N, C-alpha and C. Protein backbone atom coordinates (compact mmCIF):
# COMPACT_ATOMS: atom_id res chain seq x y z
N MET A 1 -19.15 4.17 33.49
CA MET A 1 -18.86 3.14 32.52
C MET A 1 -18.39 3.76 31.22
N GLY A 2 -18.99 4.85 30.80
CA GLY A 2 -18.58 5.51 29.56
C GLY A 2 -17.14 5.96 29.61
N ALA A 3 -16.70 6.53 30.74
CA ALA A 3 -15.31 6.99 30.86
C ALA A 3 -14.36 5.82 30.80
N GLY A 4 -14.71 4.70 31.43
CA GLY A 4 -13.86 3.52 31.39
C GLY A 4 -13.72 2.98 29.99
N THR A 5 -14.78 3.03 29.24
CA THR A 5 -14.74 2.56 27.85
C THR A 5 -13.84 3.46 27.02
N VAL A 6 -13.96 4.77 27.18
CA VAL A 6 -13.12 5.69 26.43
C VAL A 6 -11.66 5.49 26.80
N LEU A 7 -11.35 5.38 28.10
CA LEU A 7 -9.97 5.17 28.52
C LEU A 7 -9.44 3.86 27.98
N GLY A 8 -10.26 2.84 27.96
CA GLY A 8 -9.81 1.55 27.42
C GLY A 8 -9.47 1.64 25.95
N VAL A 9 -10.25 2.36 25.19
CA VAL A 9 -9.99 2.53 23.76
C VAL A 9 -8.72 3.34 23.57
N ASP A 10 -8.56 4.43 24.33
CA ASP A 10 -7.36 5.24 24.22
C ASP A 10 -6.12 4.42 24.55
N ALA A 11 -6.18 3.63 25.60
CA ALA A 11 -5.03 2.81 25.98
C ALA A 11 -4.69 1.82 24.87
N ALA A 12 -5.69 1.25 24.23
CA ALA A 12 -5.45 0.28 23.17
C ALA A 12 -4.81 0.95 21.96
N THR A 13 -5.19 2.19 21.65
CA THR A 13 -4.64 2.85 20.47
C THR A 13 -3.28 3.46 20.73
N ASP A 14 -2.84 3.57 21.99
CA ASP A 14 -1.52 4.10 22.30
C ASP A 14 -0.42 3.07 22.09
N ARG A 15 -0.78 1.82 21.97
CA ARG A 15 0.24 0.79 21.74
C ARG A 15 0.79 0.92 20.34
N PRO A 16 2.13 0.91 20.20
CA PRO A 16 2.68 1.03 18.85
C PRO A 16 2.39 -0.22 18.03
N ALA A 17 2.14 -0.01 16.74
CA ALA A 17 1.94 -1.14 15.83
C ALA A 17 3.28 -1.81 15.58
N THR A 18 3.25 -3.09 15.35
CA THR A 18 4.47 -3.82 15.02
C THR A 18 4.21 -4.65 13.78
N GLY A 19 5.28 -5.07 13.14
CA GLY A 19 5.15 -5.90 11.96
C GLY A 19 6.26 -5.63 10.98
N PRO A 20 6.22 -6.30 9.85
CA PRO A 20 7.28 -6.13 8.85
C PRO A 20 7.22 -4.74 8.21
N PRO A 21 8.27 -4.35 7.46
CA PRO A 21 8.27 -3.04 6.80
C PRO A 21 6.97 -2.81 6.02
N GLY A 22 6.40 -1.64 6.21
CA GLY A 22 5.17 -1.28 5.53
C GLY A 22 3.91 -1.52 6.32
N THR A 23 4.02 -2.08 7.53
CA THR A 23 2.85 -2.29 8.38
C THR A 23 2.27 -0.93 8.77
N LEU A 24 1.00 -0.70 8.49
CA LEU A 24 0.39 0.59 8.81
C LEU A 24 0.57 0.95 10.28
N GLY A 25 1.10 2.15 10.51
CA GLY A 25 1.25 2.67 11.87
C GLY A 25 2.49 2.20 12.60
N ALA A 26 3.26 1.27 12.05
CA ALA A 26 4.45 0.76 12.73
C ALA A 26 5.67 1.62 12.41
N PHE A 27 6.49 1.89 13.42
CA PHE A 27 7.74 2.61 13.22
C PHE A 27 8.78 1.64 12.68
N GLU A 28 9.43 2.02 11.60
CA GLU A 28 10.43 1.20 10.94
C GLU A 28 11.75 1.97 10.92
N GLN A 29 12.72 1.52 11.67
CA GLN A 29 14.00 2.23 11.73
C GLN A 29 14.76 2.06 10.41
N ILE A 30 15.40 3.16 9.96
CA ILE A 30 16.22 3.12 8.76
C ILE A 30 17.59 3.68 9.09
N GLU A 31 18.59 3.32 8.30
CA GLU A 31 19.95 3.77 8.56
C GLU A 31 20.41 4.70 7.45
N PHE A 32 20.84 5.89 7.85
CA PHE A 32 21.36 6.86 6.90
C PHE A 32 22.85 6.64 6.70
N ILE A 33 23.29 6.74 5.44
CA ILE A 33 24.70 6.58 5.11
C ILE A 33 25.20 7.86 4.46
N GLY A 34 26.51 8.03 4.47
CA GLY A 34 27.11 9.19 3.82
C GLY A 34 27.02 10.47 4.62
N THR A 35 26.69 10.38 5.90
CA THR A 35 26.58 11.61 6.69
C THR A 35 27.97 12.20 6.92
N PRO A 36 28.09 13.51 6.88
CA PRO A 36 29.38 14.16 7.11
C PRO A 36 29.87 13.92 8.54
N ALA A 37 31.18 14.00 8.73
CA ALA A 37 31.76 13.86 10.07
C ALA A 37 31.13 14.89 11.00
N GLY A 38 30.81 14.47 12.21
CA GLY A 38 30.21 15.36 13.20
C GLY A 38 28.70 15.48 13.10
N THR A 39 28.11 14.81 12.12
CA THR A 39 26.65 14.85 11.95
C THR A 39 26.08 13.47 12.25
N ASP A 40 25.08 13.42 13.09
CA ASP A 40 24.43 12.15 13.45
C ASP A 40 22.97 12.24 13.04
N ILE A 41 22.55 11.30 12.19
CA ILE A 41 21.16 11.29 11.73
C ILE A 41 20.58 9.91 11.99
N GLU A 42 19.53 9.86 12.77
CA GLU A 42 18.78 8.63 13.01
C GLU A 42 17.37 8.86 12.49
N GLY A 43 16.78 7.81 11.95
CA GLY A 43 15.45 8.03 11.41
C GLY A 43 14.64 6.78 11.25
N GLY A 44 13.45 6.99 10.79
CA GLY A 44 12.54 5.89 10.56
C GLY A 44 11.39 6.31 9.67
N LEU A 45 10.60 5.32 9.32
CA LEU A 45 9.42 5.53 8.49
C LEU A 45 8.20 4.99 9.20
N VAL A 46 7.06 5.59 8.90
CA VAL A 46 5.78 5.08 9.38
C VAL A 46 4.84 5.08 8.19
N ALA A 47 4.29 3.92 7.86
CA ALA A 47 3.33 3.81 6.76
C ALA A 47 1.97 4.27 7.25
N HIS A 48 1.32 5.11 6.46
CA HIS A 48 -0.03 5.58 6.75
C HIS A 48 -0.88 5.38 5.51
N THR A 49 -2.17 5.50 5.65
CA THR A 49 -3.06 5.37 4.50
C THR A 49 -2.93 6.59 3.57
N TRP A 50 -2.38 7.68 4.05
CA TRP A 50 -2.22 8.89 3.24
C TRP A 50 -0.80 9.06 2.72
N GLY A 51 0.13 8.18 3.04
CA GLY A 51 1.50 8.28 2.54
C GLY A 51 2.51 7.75 3.54
N THR A 52 3.74 8.20 3.38
CA THR A 52 4.84 7.72 4.21
C THR A 52 5.39 8.87 5.03
N GLU A 53 5.42 8.67 6.34
CA GLU A 53 5.98 9.65 7.27
C GLU A 53 7.46 9.35 7.48
N THR A 54 8.29 10.38 7.42
CA THR A 54 9.71 10.25 7.73
C THR A 54 9.93 10.90 9.09
N VAL A 55 10.53 10.14 10.02
CA VAL A 55 10.82 10.61 11.37
C VAL A 55 12.34 10.79 11.46
N LEU A 56 12.78 11.98 11.85
CA LEU A 56 14.21 12.27 11.90
C LEU A 56 14.63 12.81 13.26
N GLU A 57 15.78 12.34 13.76
CA GLU A 57 16.44 12.88 14.94
C GLU A 57 17.87 13.15 14.52
N MET A 58 18.29 14.43 14.60
CA MET A 58 19.58 14.82 14.05
C MET A 58 20.36 15.71 15.01
N ASP A 59 21.67 15.54 15.02
CA ASP A 59 22.60 16.40 15.74
C ASP A 59 23.72 16.76 14.80
N GLY A 60 24.25 17.98 14.95
CA GLY A 60 25.41 18.38 14.17
C GLY A 60 25.11 18.81 12.75
N VAL A 61 23.86 19.06 12.43
CA VAL A 61 23.52 19.55 11.10
C VAL A 61 23.93 21.02 11.05
N PRO A 62 24.77 21.41 10.07
CA PRO A 62 25.28 22.79 10.03
C PRO A 62 24.18 23.85 10.14
N VAL A 63 24.42 24.80 11.03
CA VAL A 63 23.43 25.82 11.38
C VAL A 63 23.04 26.69 10.19
N ALA A 64 23.95 27.03 9.33
CA ALA A 64 23.67 27.97 8.25
C ALA A 64 22.83 27.37 7.12
N GLY A 65 22.54 26.07 7.19
CA GLY A 65 21.89 25.43 6.06
C GLY A 65 20.39 25.30 6.14
N THR A 66 19.81 25.15 4.96
CA THR A 66 18.42 24.77 4.79
C THR A 66 18.45 23.42 4.09
N TYR A 67 17.63 22.48 4.52
CA TYR A 67 17.69 21.11 4.03
C TYR A 67 16.31 20.65 3.59
N GLU A 68 16.30 19.78 2.58
CA GLU A 68 15.06 19.22 2.06
C GLU A 68 15.11 17.71 2.17
N VAL A 69 13.97 17.11 2.48
CA VAL A 69 13.86 15.67 2.58
C VAL A 69 13.01 15.19 1.40
N TYR A 70 13.52 14.15 0.72
CA TYR A 70 12.82 13.58 -0.42
C TYR A 70 12.60 12.09 -0.22
N VAL A 71 11.45 11.62 -0.65
CA VAL A 71 11.13 10.20 -0.69
C VAL A 71 11.33 9.79 -2.15
N VAL A 72 12.14 8.74 -2.36
CA VAL A 72 12.44 8.26 -3.71
C VAL A 72 11.67 6.97 -3.92
N ASP A 73 10.87 6.93 -5.01
CA ASP A 73 10.09 5.72 -5.25
C ASP A 73 10.84 4.76 -6.16
N GLY A 74 10.25 3.60 -6.41
CA GLY A 74 10.89 2.53 -7.16
C GLY A 74 11.28 2.89 -8.57
N SER A 75 10.64 3.88 -9.16
CA SER A 75 10.97 4.28 -10.53
C SER A 75 11.97 5.44 -10.55
N GLY A 76 12.44 5.85 -9.36
CA GLY A 76 13.40 6.95 -9.29
C GLY A 76 12.77 8.32 -9.15
N VAL A 77 11.45 8.38 -9.11
CA VAL A 77 10.76 9.67 -8.94
C VAL A 77 10.96 10.13 -7.50
N GLU A 78 11.30 11.40 -7.34
CA GLU A 78 11.54 11.98 -6.02
C GLU A 78 10.37 12.88 -5.65
N ARG A 79 9.87 12.70 -4.44
CA ARG A 79 8.77 13.53 -3.97
C ARG A 79 9.20 14.24 -2.69
N ALA A 80 8.96 15.54 -2.66
CA ALA A 80 9.32 16.34 -1.49
C ALA A 80 8.51 15.89 -0.28
N SER A 81 9.21 15.80 0.85
CA SER A 81 8.56 15.39 2.09
C SER A 81 8.56 16.52 3.11
N GLY A 82 9.49 17.46 2.98
CA GLY A 82 9.53 18.59 3.91
C GLY A 82 10.90 19.24 3.92
N THR A 83 11.01 20.34 4.66
CA THR A 83 12.26 21.07 4.80
C THR A 83 12.51 21.39 6.26
N PHE A 84 13.78 21.67 6.58
CA PHE A 84 14.14 22.08 7.94
C PHE A 84 15.41 22.92 7.88
N PHE A 85 15.68 23.64 8.95
CA PHE A 85 16.90 24.43 9.09
C PHE A 85 17.90 23.67 9.95
N GLY A 86 19.19 23.86 9.67
CA GLY A 86 20.22 23.34 10.55
C GLY A 86 20.12 24.04 11.89
N SER A 87 20.65 23.40 12.93
CA SER A 87 20.49 23.95 14.27
C SER A 87 21.64 23.51 15.18
N ALA A 88 21.97 24.38 16.13
CA ALA A 88 22.99 24.05 17.12
C ALA A 88 22.44 23.09 18.18
N VAL A 89 21.14 22.91 18.22
CA VAL A 89 20.51 21.97 19.15
C VAL A 89 19.96 20.79 18.35
N ALA A 90 19.64 19.73 19.05
CA ALA A 90 19.11 18.54 18.38
C ALA A 90 17.83 18.88 17.62
N ILE A 91 17.67 18.24 16.47
CA ILE A 91 16.50 18.45 15.63
C ILE A 91 15.66 17.17 15.66
N ASP A 92 14.41 17.30 16.02
CA ASP A 92 13.45 16.19 15.97
C ASP A 92 12.31 16.65 15.07
N CYS A 93 12.10 15.94 13.97
CA CYS A 93 11.01 16.36 13.09
C CYS A 93 10.35 15.17 12.40
N ARG A 94 9.14 15.41 11.96
CA ARG A 94 8.34 14.41 11.24
C ARG A 94 7.82 15.08 9.98
N MET A 95 7.97 14.37 8.86
CA MET A 95 7.54 14.91 7.58
C MET A 95 6.73 13.84 6.85
N ASN A 96 5.96 14.26 5.87
CA ASN A 96 5.13 13.30 5.17
C ASN A 96 5.15 13.54 3.67
N ALA A 97 5.14 12.45 2.90
CA ALA A 97 5.03 12.54 1.45
C ALA A 97 3.90 11.63 1.00
N ALA A 98 3.19 12.06 -0.02
CA ALA A 98 2.05 11.29 -0.53
C ALA A 98 2.55 10.17 -1.44
N VAL A 99 3.32 9.28 -0.85
CA VAL A 99 3.84 8.09 -1.53
C VAL A 99 3.55 6.92 -0.61
N MET A 100 2.88 5.91 -1.10
CA MET A 100 2.60 4.75 -0.26
C MET A 100 3.90 4.03 0.08
N ARG A 101 4.01 3.50 1.27
CA ARG A 101 5.25 2.90 1.76
C ARG A 101 5.77 1.80 0.84
N GLU A 102 4.89 1.01 0.25
CA GLU A 102 5.36 -0.09 -0.61
C GLU A 102 6.06 0.43 -1.86
N ASN A 103 5.91 1.73 -2.17
CA ASN A 103 6.57 2.32 -3.33
C ASN A 103 7.85 3.09 -2.98
N VAL A 104 8.23 3.11 -1.70
CA VAL A 104 9.40 3.86 -1.28
C VAL A 104 10.64 2.97 -1.34
N ASP A 105 11.69 3.47 -2.04
CA ASP A 105 12.97 2.77 -2.12
C ASP A 105 14.06 3.46 -1.32
N GLY A 106 13.90 4.76 -1.05
CA GLY A 106 14.94 5.47 -0.33
C GLY A 106 14.47 6.82 0.16
N ILE A 107 15.28 7.38 1.07
CA ILE A 107 15.05 8.72 1.61
C ILE A 107 16.34 9.50 1.40
N GLU A 108 16.23 10.72 0.88
CA GLU A 108 17.39 11.59 0.71
C GLU A 108 17.19 12.86 1.50
N ILE A 109 18.25 13.30 2.17
CA ILE A 109 18.28 14.62 2.81
C ILE A 109 19.29 15.43 1.99
N ARG A 110 18.83 16.55 1.45
CA ARG A 110 19.67 17.35 0.55
C ARG A 110 19.95 18.74 1.12
N ASN A 111 21.14 19.22 0.79
CA ASN A 111 21.51 20.60 1.06
C ASN A 111 20.73 21.51 0.12
N ALA A 112 20.73 22.80 0.40
CA ALA A 112 20.00 23.77 -0.44
C ALA A 112 20.50 23.76 -1.88
N ASP A 113 21.77 23.39 -2.11
CA ASP A 113 22.30 23.34 -3.48
C ASP A 113 21.95 22.05 -4.21
N GLY A 114 21.19 21.16 -3.55
CA GLY A 114 20.76 19.91 -4.16
C GLY A 114 21.67 18.73 -3.90
N SER A 115 22.87 18.98 -3.33
CA SER A 115 23.76 17.87 -3.02
C SER A 115 23.19 17.06 -1.85
N VAL A 116 23.50 15.76 -1.83
CA VAL A 116 22.93 14.87 -0.83
C VAL A 116 23.75 14.94 0.47
N LEU A 117 23.07 15.27 1.58
CA LEU A 117 23.69 15.27 2.90
C LEU A 117 23.75 13.84 3.43
N ALA A 118 22.68 13.07 3.23
CA ALA A 118 22.62 11.69 3.70
C ALA A 118 21.53 10.96 2.91
N PHE A 119 21.67 9.62 2.84
CA PHE A 119 20.74 8.79 2.09
C PHE A 119 20.46 7.52 2.87
N ALA A 120 19.23 7.06 2.79
CA ALA A 120 18.87 5.78 3.42
C ALA A 120 18.16 4.91 2.38
N ASP A 121 18.70 3.72 2.15
CA ASP A 121 17.96 2.72 1.38
C ASP A 121 16.95 2.10 2.33
N VAL A 122 15.80 1.75 1.85
CA VAL A 122 14.81 1.12 2.72
C VAL A 122 14.42 -0.24 2.18
N PRO A 123 14.13 -1.19 3.06
CA PRO A 123 13.76 -2.52 2.59
C PRO A 123 12.40 -2.52 1.90
N ASP A 124 12.18 -3.53 1.08
CA ASP A 124 10.88 -3.67 0.44
C ASP A 124 9.81 -3.83 1.51
N ALA A 125 8.67 -3.23 1.27
CA ALA A 125 7.55 -3.33 2.21
C ALA A 125 6.70 -4.54 1.88
N LEU A 126 6.08 -5.07 2.92
CA LEU A 126 5.14 -6.19 2.83
C LEU A 126 5.26 -6.83 1.50
């Protein structure tokens, strides 16, 4: 009986959360604009009690580059969320910034020189 109870709880927590933007634990797809030709960036956000997770799937990001991800809040303050290297293979990564989802207005991916590789506006949360 104990094993059945544990499996039941695990199965219940494996279901993805759903709801409007900012719902804790729900994946929220975002659209990146301004990506260079030959570069494909898909992404999303997940609201957590500790901040906002940025989920990225990318192809065609120049190999020689180092890139930084920033979460931009409503007042224009930018908070670092993580870094990654360009790659000849697909890049799948998850990063986190200590900014609550309801305070996030956008996500920027920047080149090492600070120029913007791609930007995503995000809808208002809850």
